[in-house]
Amino acid sequence: MTNLAIPAGARNATSGTARPARTLPATPDIWFFVFFEAFLFTAYFTVYMVRRTQDVGLFLQSQAQLSLATGVVNTLILLVSSWSMARCVQAAREGSMQAALRNAFLTIGFALAFLIVKVSEWTVEIEKGFSFTTNGFFAFYYFLTAIHFIHLLIGFIFLGVVVHQLRQPVRSQPLIETGATYWHMVDFLWIMIFALLYLMR
């Protein structure tokens, strides 16, 4: 009798041990939004790079007026907020709603800290005489950081939805992960902005 080799996947399927297909977290709409925002910010960054090559000296002199320490602090705040948001999602998946809520509120706290530091930084720079109209670098600086600031404010809505879902007896895990995905996008955009405005030489 001929022995027929059965593929491992087929054996698992017949025995009921096949693993479920892996899917992206969150809802499909947020991924469309994330890719759209990535395209939009790529355009902003490209225009910045082109403009910078036209007057490198001015951009470097203006960049030196920024507080690198403040930029680093805000970057660390958002990185830790991404960590707490990831812990929130993981706890929700495991059914530990109290732990998920603690991490969601921790993320909100980090977001508030970022806003306070950023507004303080803007205030210092304006008091030193550096405004949107000072030169090309500061025009980009205020534009990019203000756009990110608005995205972060919108992030509070997403975080509010996450908290609301975690408090419901019947919750939607995809909505929780949608809020987390948006928040990670906000963090990633800041890292790019920080690298271009504060670090690039």
N, C-alpha and C. Protein backbone atom coordinates (compact mmCIF):
# COMPACT_ATOMS: atom_id res chain seq x y z
N MET A 1 0.86 -1.20 0.00
CA MET A 1 0.00 0.00 0.00
C MET A 1 0.90 1.24 0.00
N THR A 2 0.49 2.25 -0.79
CA THR A 2 1.28 3.48 -0.88
C THR A 2 0.98 4.38 0.30
N ASN A 3 2.02 4.87 0.95
CA ASN A 3 1.84 5.81 2.06
C ASN A 3 1.73 7.22 1.50
N LEU A 4 0.65 7.91 1.83
CA LEU A 4 0.44 9.28 1.37
C LEU A 4 0.85 10.23 2.48
N ALA A 5 1.77 11.12 2.18
CA ALA A 5 2.22 12.10 3.17
C ALA A 5 1.17 13.19 3.30
N ILE A 6 0.74 13.45 4.50
CA ILE A 6 -0.24 14.49 4.75
C ILE A 6 0.49 15.72 5.26
N PRO A 7 0.31 16.88 4.61
CA PRO A 7 0.97 18.10 5.06
C PRO A 7 0.66 18.39 6.51
N ALA A 8 1.66 18.99 7.21
CA ALA A 8 1.48 19.28 8.63
C ALA A 8 0.28 20.16 8.87
N GLY A 9 0.08 21.14 7.98
CA GLY A 9 -1.06 22.04 8.14
C GLY A 9 -2.37 21.30 8.07
N ALA A 10 -2.43 20.27 7.16
CA ALA A 10 -3.66 19.52 7.03
C ALA A 10 -3.89 18.67 8.27
N ARG A 11 -2.82 18.07 8.85
CA ARG A 11 -2.96 17.27 10.06
C ARG A 11 -3.47 18.13 11.20
N ASN A 12 -2.93 19.33 11.32
CA ASN A 12 -3.38 20.20 12.39
C ASN A 12 -4.83 20.59 12.21
N ALA A 13 -5.22 20.82 10.94
CA ALA A 13 -6.59 21.23 10.68
C ALA A 13 -7.55 20.13 11.05
N THR A 14 -7.20 18.86 10.70
CA THR A 14 -8.11 17.76 10.99
C THR A 14 -8.14 17.45 12.47
N SER A 15 -7.07 17.72 13.20
CA SER A 15 -7.05 17.43 14.62
C SER A 15 -7.56 18.58 15.47
N GLY A 16 -7.87 19.70 14.78
CA GLY A 16 -8.42 20.84 15.50
C GLY A 16 -7.38 21.67 16.23
N THR A 17 -6.11 21.52 15.86
CA THR A 17 -5.05 22.26 16.55
C THR A 17 -4.43 23.34 15.68
N ALA A 18 -5.03 23.59 14.53
CA ALA A 18 -4.48 24.62 13.65
C ALA A 18 -4.55 25.98 14.32
N ARG A 19 -3.50 26.75 14.16
CA ARG A 19 -3.49 28.09 14.74
C ARG A 19 -4.33 29.04 13.90
N PRO A 20 -5.02 29.98 14.53
CA PRO A 20 -5.80 30.95 13.75
C PRO A 20 -4.90 31.86 12.95
N ALA A 21 -5.39 32.30 11.82
CA ALA A 21 -4.60 33.19 10.96
C ALA A 21 -4.32 34.49 11.69
N ARG A 22 -3.09 34.97 11.58
CA ARG A 22 -2.70 36.21 12.23
C ARG A 22 -3.28 37.39 11.46
N THR A 23 -3.84 38.34 12.18
CA THR A 23 -4.40 39.52 11.56
C THR A 23 -3.81 40.75 12.23
N LEU A 24 -3.89 41.90 11.54
CA LEU A 24 -3.42 43.14 12.12
C LEU A 24 -4.31 43.53 13.27
N PRO A 25 -3.73 44.11 14.34
CA PRO A 25 -4.57 44.59 15.44
C PRO A 25 -5.39 45.79 15.00
N ALA A 26 -6.40 46.12 15.77
CA ALA A 26 -7.24 47.30 15.54
C ALA A 26 -8.15 47.10 14.33
N THR A 27 -8.87 48.16 13.99
CA THR A 27 -9.81 48.11 12.87
C THR A 27 -9.10 48.54 11.59
N PRO A 28 -9.57 48.08 10.43
CA PRO A 28 -8.90 48.43 9.16
C PRO A 28 -8.84 49.93 8.92
N ASP A 29 -9.87 50.68 9.37
CA ASP A 29 -9.92 52.12 9.10
C ASP A 29 -8.71 52.86 9.67
N ILE A 30 -8.27 52.45 10.86
CA ILE A 30 -7.16 53.17 11.48
C ILE A 30 -5.88 52.94 10.69
N TRP A 31 -5.73 51.79 10.07
CA TRP A 31 -4.52 51.53 9.29
C TRP A 31 -4.51 52.37 8.02
N PHE A 32 -5.69 52.58 7.42
CA PHE A 32 -5.77 53.49 6.28
C PHE A 32 -5.36 54.89 6.71
N PHE A 33 -5.84 55.31 7.89
CA PHE A 33 -5.51 56.64 8.40
C PHE A 33 -4.02 56.76 8.69
N VAL A 34 -3.44 55.72 9.29
CA VAL A 34 -2.01 55.73 9.62
C VAL A 34 -1.17 55.87 8.36
N PHE A 35 -1.51 55.09 7.32
CA PHE A 35 -0.74 55.17 6.07
C PHE A 35 -0.93 56.52 5.39
N PHE A 36 -2.13 57.08 5.48
CA PHE A 36 -2.37 58.41 4.91
C PHE A 36 -1.52 59.46 5.64
N GLU A 37 -1.51 59.38 6.97
CA GLU A 37 -0.71 60.33 7.76
C GLU A 37 0.78 60.16 7.48
N ALA A 38 1.21 58.92 7.33
CA ALA A 38 2.62 58.66 7.01
C ALA A 38 2.99 59.31 5.68
N PHE A 39 2.11 59.20 4.69
CA PHE A 39 2.35 59.82 3.39
C PHE A 39 2.39 61.34 3.52
N LEU A 40 1.45 61.90 4.29
CA LEU A 40 1.36 63.34 4.45
C LEU A 40 2.60 63.90 5.14
N PHE A 41 3.01 63.26 6.23
CA PHE A 41 4.18 63.74 6.96
C PHE A 41 5.47 63.52 6.17
N THR A 42 5.50 62.48 5.36
CA THR A 42 6.66 62.28 4.49
C THR A 42 6.82 63.46 3.54
N ALA A 43 5.68 63.96 3.06
CA ALA A 43 5.71 65.14 2.18
C ALA A 43 6.24 66.35 2.95
N TYR A 44 5.74 66.54 4.19
CA TYR A 44 6.23 67.66 5.01
C TYR A 44 7.74 67.55 5.22
N PHE A 45 8.20 66.37 5.57
CA PHE A 45 9.61 66.16 5.86
C PHE A 45 10.47 66.38 4.61
N THR A 46 9.95 65.98 3.47
CA THR A 46 10.69 66.15 2.22
C THR A 46 10.86 67.63 1.90
N VAL A 47 9.78 68.40 2.07
CA VAL A 47 9.86 69.84 1.82
C VAL A 47 10.86 70.48 2.79
N TYR A 48 10.85 70.04 4.04
CA TYR A 48 11.80 70.56 5.03
C TYR A 48 13.23 70.27 4.60
N MET A 49 13.49 69.05 4.16
CA MET A 49 14.84 68.66 3.76
C MET A 49 15.31 69.48 2.56
N VAL A 50 14.42 69.68 1.60
CA VAL A 50 14.78 70.47 0.41
C VAL A 50 15.10 71.90 0.82
N ARG A 51 14.24 72.47 1.65
CA ARG A 51 14.46 73.85 2.09
C ARG A 51 15.74 73.97 2.91
N ARG A 52 16.04 72.97 3.70
CA ARG A 52 17.24 72.98 4.53
C ARG A 52 18.51 72.98 3.68
N THR A 53 18.51 72.22 2.59
CA THR A 53 19.69 72.15 1.73
C THR A 53 19.97 73.49 1.06
N GLN A 54 18.95 74.33 0.99
CA GLN A 54 19.12 75.63 0.35
C GLN A 54 19.78 76.66 1.27
N ASP A 55 19.74 76.41 2.57
CA ASP A 55 20.36 77.34 3.51
C ASP A 55 20.76 76.58 4.77
N VAL A 56 21.73 75.70 4.63
CA VAL A 56 22.14 74.83 5.75
C VAL A 56 22.64 75.65 6.93
N GLY A 57 23.41 76.69 6.66
CA GLY A 57 23.98 77.50 7.74
C GLY A 57 22.90 78.11 8.62
N LEU A 58 21.89 78.71 8.00
CA LEU A 58 20.81 79.32 8.76
C LEU A 58 20.08 78.29 9.59
N PHE A 59 19.81 77.13 9.00
CA PHE A 59 19.08 76.08 9.72
C PHE A 59 19.88 75.56 10.91
N LEU A 60 21.20 75.42 10.73
CA LEU A 60 22.03 74.94 11.82
C LEU A 60 22.11 75.97 12.96
N GLN A 61 22.25 77.25 12.60
CA GLN A 61 22.30 78.30 13.61
C GLN A 61 20.98 78.38 14.38
N SER A 62 19.88 78.24 13.67
CA SER A 62 18.57 78.30 14.32
C SER A 62 18.33 77.06 15.16
N GLN A 63 18.76 75.92 14.65
CA GLN A 63 18.59 74.67 15.39
C GLN A 63 19.33 74.73 16.72
N ALA A 64 20.46 75.41 16.75
CA ALA A 64 21.26 75.51 17.97
C ALA A 64 20.53 76.29 19.06
N GLN A 65 19.49 77.05 18.70
CA GLN A 65 18.73 77.81 19.68
C GLN A 65 17.72 76.94 20.43
N LEU A 66 17.44 75.75 19.90
CA LEU A 66 16.49 74.85 20.56
C LEU A 66 17.16 74.18 21.75
N SER A 67 16.35 73.78 22.71
CA SER A 67 16.86 73.06 23.88
C SER A 67 16.84 71.56 23.58
N LEU A 68 18.02 71.01 23.31
CA LEU A 68 18.11 69.58 23.03
C LEU A 68 17.63 68.76 24.23
N ALA A 69 17.95 69.22 25.43
CA ALA A 69 17.54 68.49 26.64
C ALA A 69 16.02 68.39 26.73
N THR A 70 15.34 69.49 26.39
CA THR A 70 13.88 69.48 26.43
C THR A 70 13.32 68.51 25.39
N GLY A 71 13.93 68.51 24.20
CA GLY A 71 13.49 67.58 23.17
C GLY A 71 13.69 66.14 23.59
N VAL A 72 14.81 65.86 24.25
CA VAL A 72 15.08 64.51 24.73
C VAL A 72 14.06 64.10 25.78
N VAL A 73 13.76 65.02 26.71
CA VAL A 73 12.78 64.72 27.75
C VAL A 73 11.43 64.37 27.14
N ASN A 74 10.97 65.17 26.19
CA ASN A 74 9.68 64.90 25.56
C ASN A 74 9.70 63.59 24.78
N THR A 75 10.82 63.28 24.16
CA THR A 75 10.93 62.02 23.43
C THR A 75 10.84 60.84 24.39
N LEU A 76 11.53 60.92 25.51
CA LEU A 76 11.47 59.85 26.51
C LEU A 76 10.06 59.71 27.07
N ILE A 77 9.38 60.83 27.29
CA ILE A 77 8.01 60.79 27.81
C ILE A 77 7.11 60.01 26.85
N LEU A 78 7.21 60.30 25.56
CA LEU A 78 6.35 59.61 24.60
C LEU A 78 6.75 58.16 24.42
N LEU A 79 8.03 57.86 24.49
CA LEU A 79 8.46 56.46 24.39
C LEU A 79 7.90 55.64 25.55
N VAL A 80 7.95 56.21 26.75
CA VAL A 80 7.40 55.50 27.91
C VAL A 80 5.89 55.39 27.79
N SER A 81 5.25 56.41 27.21
CA SER A 81 3.79 56.34 27.03
C SER A 81 3.41 55.23 26.05
N SER A 82 4.25 54.98 25.05
CA SER A 82 4.00 53.87 24.13
C SER A 82 4.13 52.54 24.86
N TRP A 83 5.09 52.47 25.76
CA TRP A 83 5.28 51.26 26.57
C TRP A 83 4.05 51.00 27.44
N SER A 84 3.54 52.04 28.11
CA SER A 84 2.36 51.85 28.97
C SER A 84 1.13 51.52 28.14
N MET A 85 1.04 52.08 26.92
CA MET A 85 -0.09 51.77 26.05
C MET A 85 -0.03 50.32 25.59
N ALA A 86 1.17 49.84 25.29
CA ALA A 86 1.33 48.43 24.89
C ALA A 86 0.95 47.50 26.05
N ARG A 87 1.32 47.89 27.27
CA ARG A 87 0.95 47.09 28.44
C ARG A 87 -0.56 47.11 28.65
N CYS A 88 -1.18 48.21 28.35
CA CYS A 88 -2.64 48.32 28.45
C CYS A 88 -3.32 47.31 27.52
N VAL A 89 -2.86 47.28 26.27
CA VAL A 89 -3.44 46.36 25.29
C VAL A 89 -3.22 44.91 25.72
N GLN A 90 -2.01 44.60 26.16
CA GLN A 90 -1.71 43.23 26.57
C GLN A 90 -2.57 42.81 27.76
N ALA A 91 -2.73 43.71 28.72
CA ALA A 91 -3.56 43.39 29.88
C ALA A 91 -5.01 43.18 29.47
N ALA A 92 -5.50 43.99 28.53
CA ALA A 92 -6.88 43.83 28.05
C ALA A 92 -7.06 42.49 27.36
N ARG A 93 -6.07 42.08 26.58
CA ARG A 93 -6.15 40.78 25.91
C ARG A 93 -6.21 39.64 26.93
N GLU A 94 -5.54 39.83 28.05
CA GLU A 94 -5.51 38.78 29.07
C GLU A 94 -6.69 38.86 30.02
N GLY A 95 -7.53 39.89 29.83
CA GLY A 95 -8.70 40.03 30.70
C GLY A 95 -8.43 40.74 32.01
N SER A 96 -7.25 41.32 32.16
CA SER A 96 -6.90 42.05 33.40
C SER A 96 -7.29 43.52 33.23
N MET A 97 -8.56 43.83 33.40
CA MET A 97 -9.07 45.16 33.08
C MET A 97 -8.54 46.24 34.02
N GLN A 98 -8.35 45.91 35.29
CA GLN A 98 -7.82 46.91 36.22
C GLN A 98 -6.40 47.31 35.83
N ALA A 99 -5.59 46.32 35.47
CA ALA A 99 -4.23 46.62 35.03
C ALA A 99 -4.25 47.42 33.73
N ALA A 100 -5.17 47.07 32.84
CA ALA A 100 -5.29 47.79 31.57
C ALA A 100 -5.69 49.24 31.83
N LEU A 101 -6.63 49.45 32.75
CA LEU A 101 -7.05 50.82 33.07
C LEU A 101 -5.91 51.62 33.68
N ARG A 102 -5.16 51.01 34.58
CA ARG A 102 -4.02 51.72 35.19
C ARG A 102 -3.04 52.18 34.13
N ASN A 103 -2.76 51.32 33.17
CA ASN A 103 -1.81 51.69 32.11
C ASN A 103 -2.40 52.71 31.16
N ALA A 104 -3.71 52.67 30.93
CA ALA A 104 -4.35 53.68 30.08
C ALA A 104 -4.25 55.06 30.74
N PHE A 105 -4.54 55.12 32.06
CA PHE A 105 -4.44 56.39 32.76
C PHE A 105 -2.98 56.85 32.86
N LEU A 106 -2.06 55.91 32.96
CA LEU A 106 -0.64 56.25 32.96
C LEU A 106 -0.26 56.90 31.63
N THR A 107 -0.77 56.35 30.53
CA THR A 107 -0.52 56.92 29.21
C THR A 107 -1.07 58.33 29.11
N ILE A 108 -2.27 58.54 29.64
CA ILE A 108 -2.87 59.88 29.64
C ILE A 108 -2.00 60.84 30.45
N GLY A 109 -1.47 60.37 31.56
CA GLY A 109 -0.59 61.21 32.38
C GLY A 109 0.66 61.62 31.63
N PHE A 110 1.26 60.67 30.91
CA PHE A 110 2.44 60.99 30.11
C PHE A 110 2.09 61.98 29.00
N ALA A 111 0.93 61.83 28.41
CA ALA A 111 0.50 62.75 27.35
C ALA A 111 0.37 64.17 27.89
N LEU A 112 -0.21 64.30 29.08
CA LEU A 112 -0.32 65.62 29.70
C LEU A 112 1.04 66.20 30.00
N ALA A 113 1.97 65.36 30.46
CA ALA A 113 3.33 65.83 30.74
C ALA A 113 3.98 66.36 29.47
N PHE A 114 3.79 65.64 28.36
CA PHE A 114 4.36 66.09 27.09
C PHE A 114 3.81 67.47 26.72
N LEU A 115 2.49 67.64 26.84
CA LEU A 115 1.88 68.92 26.48
C LEU A 115 2.44 70.06 27.33
N ILE A 116 2.58 69.83 28.62
CA ILE A 116 3.10 70.87 29.51
C ILE A 116 4.53 71.25 29.13
N VAL A 117 5.37 70.24 28.88
CA VAL A 117 6.76 70.52 28.51
C VAL A 117 6.82 71.24 27.17
N LYS A 118 5.98 70.83 26.22
CA LYS A 118 6.02 71.45 24.89
C LYS A 118 5.56 72.90 24.94
N VAL A 119 4.49 73.18 25.65
CA VAL A 119 4.01 74.56 25.77
C VAL A 119 5.05 75.42 26.48
N SER A 120 5.69 74.86 27.50
CA SER A 120 6.75 75.60 28.20
C SER A 120 7.91 75.91 27.26
N GLU A 121 8.26 74.95 26.41
CA GLU A 121 9.34 75.17 25.46
C GLU A 121 8.98 76.26 24.46
N TRP A 122 7.75 76.20 23.93
CA TRP A 122 7.31 77.25 23.02
C TRP A 122 7.39 78.63 23.69
N THR A 123 6.94 78.69 24.94
CA THR A 123 6.93 79.96 25.67
C THR A 123 8.34 80.53 25.79
N VAL A 124 9.29 79.68 26.15
CA VAL A 124 10.69 80.12 26.28
C VAL A 124 11.22 80.63 24.95
N GLU A 125 10.94 79.91 23.87
CA GLU A 125 11.46 80.29 22.56
C GLU A 125 10.85 81.61 22.08
N ILE A 126 9.57 81.80 22.33
CA ILE A 126 8.92 83.05 21.92
C ILE A 126 9.47 84.21 22.73
N GLU A 127 9.69 83.99 24.03
CA GLU A 127 10.26 85.05 24.88
C GLU A 127 11.67 85.43 24.43
N LYS A 128 12.39 84.48 23.83
CA LYS A 128 13.74 84.75 23.32
C LYS A 128 13.69 85.44 21.95
N GLY A 129 12.48 85.60 21.41
CA GLY A 129 12.33 86.31 20.14
C GLY A 129 12.24 85.41 18.92
N PHE A 130 12.11 84.10 19.13
CA PHE A 130 12.03 83.18 18.01
C PHE A 130 10.56 82.79 17.77
N SER A 131 10.00 83.33 16.72
CA SER A 131 8.60 83.07 16.40
C SER A 131 8.47 82.39 15.04
N PHE A 132 7.25 82.16 14.63
CA PHE A 132 6.97 81.51 13.34
C PHE A 132 7.56 82.29 12.17
N THR A 133 7.64 83.61 12.32
CA THR A 133 8.09 84.47 11.22
C THR A 133 9.58 84.80 11.30
N THR A 134 10.31 84.24 12.26
CA THR A 134 11.73 84.58 12.42
C THR A 134 12.54 84.21 11.19
N ASN A 135 12.42 82.98 10.73
CA ASN A 135 13.11 82.52 9.52
C ASN A 135 12.49 81.19 9.08
N GLY A 136 13.08 80.61 8.04
CA GLY A 136 12.54 79.37 7.48
C GLY A 136 12.57 78.21 8.45
N PHE A 137 13.65 78.11 9.23
CA PHE A 137 13.73 76.99 10.17
C PHE A 137 12.62 77.06 11.20
N PHE A 138 12.43 78.23 11.81
CA PHE A 138 11.41 78.33 12.85
C PHE A 138 9.99 78.23 12.28
N ALA A 139 9.82 78.60 11.01
CA ALA A 139 8.52 78.39 10.38
C ALA A 139 8.20 76.90 10.34
N PHE A 140 9.20 76.09 9.92
CA PHE A 140 9.01 74.64 9.91
C PHE A 140 8.87 74.09 11.32
N TYR A 141 9.69 74.61 12.23
CA TYR A 141 9.67 74.12 13.61
C TYR A 141 8.27 74.27 14.23
N TYR A 142 7.71 75.47 14.14
CA TYR A 142 6.40 75.69 14.74
C TYR A 142 5.30 74.94 13.98
N PHE A 143 5.44 74.87 12.67
CA PHE A 143 4.42 74.16 11.89
C PHE A 143 4.41 72.67 12.25
N LEU A 144 5.57 72.03 12.21
CA LEU A 144 5.62 70.59 12.46
C LEU A 144 5.24 70.24 13.90
N THR A 145 5.76 71.02 14.86
CA THR A 145 5.43 70.71 16.25
C THR A 145 3.97 71.03 16.57
N ALA A 146 3.41 72.05 15.92
CA ALA A 146 2.00 72.38 16.15
C ALA A 146 1.09 71.30 15.55
N ILE A 147 1.43 70.82 14.35
CA ILE A 147 0.64 69.74 13.74
C ILE A 147 0.69 68.50 14.63
N HIS A 148 1.87 68.19 15.14
CA HIS A 148 1.99 67.04 16.04
C HIS A 148 1.19 67.29 17.32
N PHE A 149 1.23 68.50 17.83
CA PHE A 149 0.49 68.87 19.04
C PHE A 149 -1.00 68.61 18.85
N ILE A 150 -1.52 68.99 17.68
CA ILE A 150 -2.94 68.76 17.37
C ILE A 150 -3.24 67.27 17.33
N HIS A 151 -2.36 66.50 16.71
CA HIS A 151 -2.55 65.05 16.66
C HIS A 151 -2.55 64.46 18.08
N LEU A 152 -1.69 65.01 18.94
CA LEU A 152 -1.65 64.50 20.30
C LEU A 152 -2.94 64.85 21.05
N LEU A 153 -3.48 66.04 20.81
CA LEU A 153 -4.75 66.40 21.42
C LEU A 153 -5.87 65.46 20.96
N ILE A 154 -5.87 65.13 19.68
CA ILE A 154 -6.85 64.17 19.17
C ILE A 154 -6.65 62.82 19.84
N GLY A 155 -5.38 62.52 20.17
CA GLY A 155 -5.08 61.27 20.85
C GLY A 155 -5.82 61.12 22.17
N PHE A 156 -6.13 62.24 22.84
CA PHE A 156 -6.89 62.15 24.08
C PHE A 156 -8.29 61.57 23.83
N ILE A 157 -8.85 61.85 22.66
CA ILE A 157 -10.15 61.28 22.32
C ILE A 157 -10.02 59.76 22.19
N PHE A 158 -8.99 59.33 21.49
CA PHE A 158 -8.76 57.89 21.33
C PHE A 158 -8.51 57.23 22.69
N LEU A 159 -7.72 57.87 23.54
CA LEU A 159 -7.46 57.32 24.86
C LEU A 159 -8.73 57.29 25.70
N GLY A 160 -9.59 58.29 25.53
CA GLY A 160 -10.87 58.30 26.23
C GLY A 160 -11.75 57.13 25.80
N VAL A 161 -11.72 56.82 24.50
CA VAL A 161 -12.47 55.66 24.00
C VAL A 161 -11.93 54.37 24.61
N VAL A 162 -10.61 54.28 24.72
CA VAL A 162 -9.98 53.09 25.33
C VAL A 162 -10.46 52.93 26.77
N VAL A 163 -10.41 54.00 27.54
CA VAL A 163 -10.84 53.95 28.94
C VAL A 163 -12.31 53.55 29.02
N HIS A 164 -13.14 54.15 28.16
CA HIS A 164 -14.58 53.82 28.15
C HIS A 164 -14.80 52.34 27.87
N GLN A 165 -14.07 51.80 26.88
CA GLN A 165 -14.22 50.39 26.54
C GLN A 165 -13.79 49.49 27.69
N LEU A 166 -12.71 49.85 28.35
CA LEU A 166 -12.20 49.03 29.44
C LEU A 166 -13.16 48.98 30.62
N ARG A 167 -14.02 50.01 30.73
CA ARG A 167 -14.97 50.07 31.84
C ARG A 167 -16.30 49.38 31.53
N GLN A 168 -16.47 48.93 30.29
CA GLN A 168 -17.73 48.30 29.90
C GLN A 168 -17.71 46.81 30.23
N PRO A 169 -18.88 46.26 30.63
CA PRO A 169 -18.94 44.82 30.87
C PRO A 169 -18.67 44.00 29.61
N VAL A 170 -19.12 44.54 28.46
CA VAL A 170 -18.83 43.91 27.17
C VAL A 170 -18.02 44.92 26.37
N ARG A 171 -16.77 44.62 26.15
CA ARG A 171 -15.88 45.60 25.53
C ARG A 171 -15.43 45.13 24.15
N SER A 172 -14.94 46.08 23.36
CA SER A 172 -14.45 45.78 22.02
C SER A 172 -12.93 45.85 22.02
N GLN A 173 -12.28 44.70 21.92
CA GLN A 173 -10.82 44.68 21.87
C GLN A 173 -10.29 45.41 20.63
N PRO A 174 -10.94 45.26 19.46
CA PRO A 174 -10.45 46.03 18.29
C PRO A 174 -10.45 47.53 18.52
N LEU A 175 -11.44 48.08 19.23
CA LEU A 175 -11.46 49.52 19.50
C LEU A 175 -10.34 49.91 20.45
N ILE A 176 -10.06 49.06 21.43
CA ILE A 176 -8.95 49.32 22.35
C ILE A 176 -7.64 49.36 21.56
N GLU A 177 -7.47 48.42 20.66
CA GLU A 177 -6.23 48.35 19.88
C GLU A 177 -6.17 49.46 18.83
N THR A 178 -7.34 49.95 18.41
CA THR A 178 -7.37 51.10 17.49
C THR A 178 -6.81 52.33 18.19
N GLY A 179 -7.23 52.56 19.43
CA GLY A 179 -6.70 53.68 20.19
C GLY A 179 -5.21 53.56 20.40
N ALA A 180 -4.74 52.34 20.68
CA ALA A 180 -3.31 52.12 20.88
C ALA A 180 -2.53 52.36 19.60
N THR A 181 -3.08 51.93 18.48
CA THR A 181 -2.40 52.11 17.19
C THR A 181 -2.24 53.60 16.87
N TYR A 182 -3.31 54.37 17.11
CA TYR A 182 -3.21 55.81 16.87
C TYR A 182 -2.13 56.42 17.77
N TRP A 183 -2.11 55.99 19.04
CA TRP A 183 -1.14 56.57 19.96
C TRP A 183 0.29 56.24 19.55
N HIS A 184 0.53 55.03 19.10
CA HIS A 184 1.87 54.66 18.65
C HIS A 184 2.27 55.49 17.42
N MET A 185 1.28 55.81 16.57
CA MET A 185 1.56 56.65 15.41
C MET A 185 2.01 58.04 15.85
N VAL A 186 1.31 58.61 16.84
CA VAL A 186 1.68 59.93 17.35
C VAL A 186 3.11 59.90 17.90
N ASP A 187 3.46 58.85 18.61
CA ASP A 187 4.81 58.73 19.15
C ASP A 187 5.85 58.63 18.03
N PHE A 188 5.54 57.83 17.02
CA PHE A 188 6.49 57.65 15.91
C PHE A 188 6.71 58.97 15.16
N LEU A 189 5.64 59.72 14.95
CA LEU A 189 5.77 61.00 14.25
C LEU A 189 6.66 61.95 15.04
N TRP A 190 6.52 61.94 16.36
CA TRP A 190 7.38 62.82 17.17
C TRP A 190 8.84 62.42 17.06
N ILE A 191 9.11 61.13 17.05
CA ILE A 191 10.51 60.68 16.93
C ILE A 191 11.12 61.20 15.64
N MET A 192 10.36 61.17 14.54
CA MET A 192 10.85 61.69 13.27
C MET A 192 11.07 63.20 13.34
N ILE A 193 10.11 63.90 13.95
CA ILE A 193 10.23 65.36 14.08
C ILE A 193 11.43 65.71 14.95
N PHE A 194 11.60 64.99 16.05
CA PHE A 194 12.73 65.23 16.95
C PHE A 194 14.06 65.03 16.22
N ALA A 195 14.15 63.96 15.43
CA ALA A 195 15.39 63.69 14.70
C ALA A 195 15.71 64.80 13.69
N LEU A 196 14.68 65.28 13.00
CA LEU A 196 14.90 66.29 11.97
C LEU A 196 15.21 67.68 12.57
N LEU A 197 14.45 68.07 13.59
CA LEU A 197 14.57 69.43 14.11
C LEU A 197 15.67 69.59 15.16
N TYR A 198 15.90 68.56 15.95
CA TYR A 198 16.83 68.70 17.07
C TYR A 198 18.19 68.03 16.82
N LEU A 199 18.22 66.95 16.08
CA LEU A 199 19.45 66.15 15.97
C LEU A 199 20.20 66.29 14.65
N MET A 200 19.48 66.47 13.58
CA MET A 200 20.11 66.44 12.26
C MET A 200 21.14 67.55 12.12
N ARG A 201 22.33 67.20 11.67
CA ARG A 201 23.40 68.18 11.49
C ARG A 201 23.86 68.20 10.05
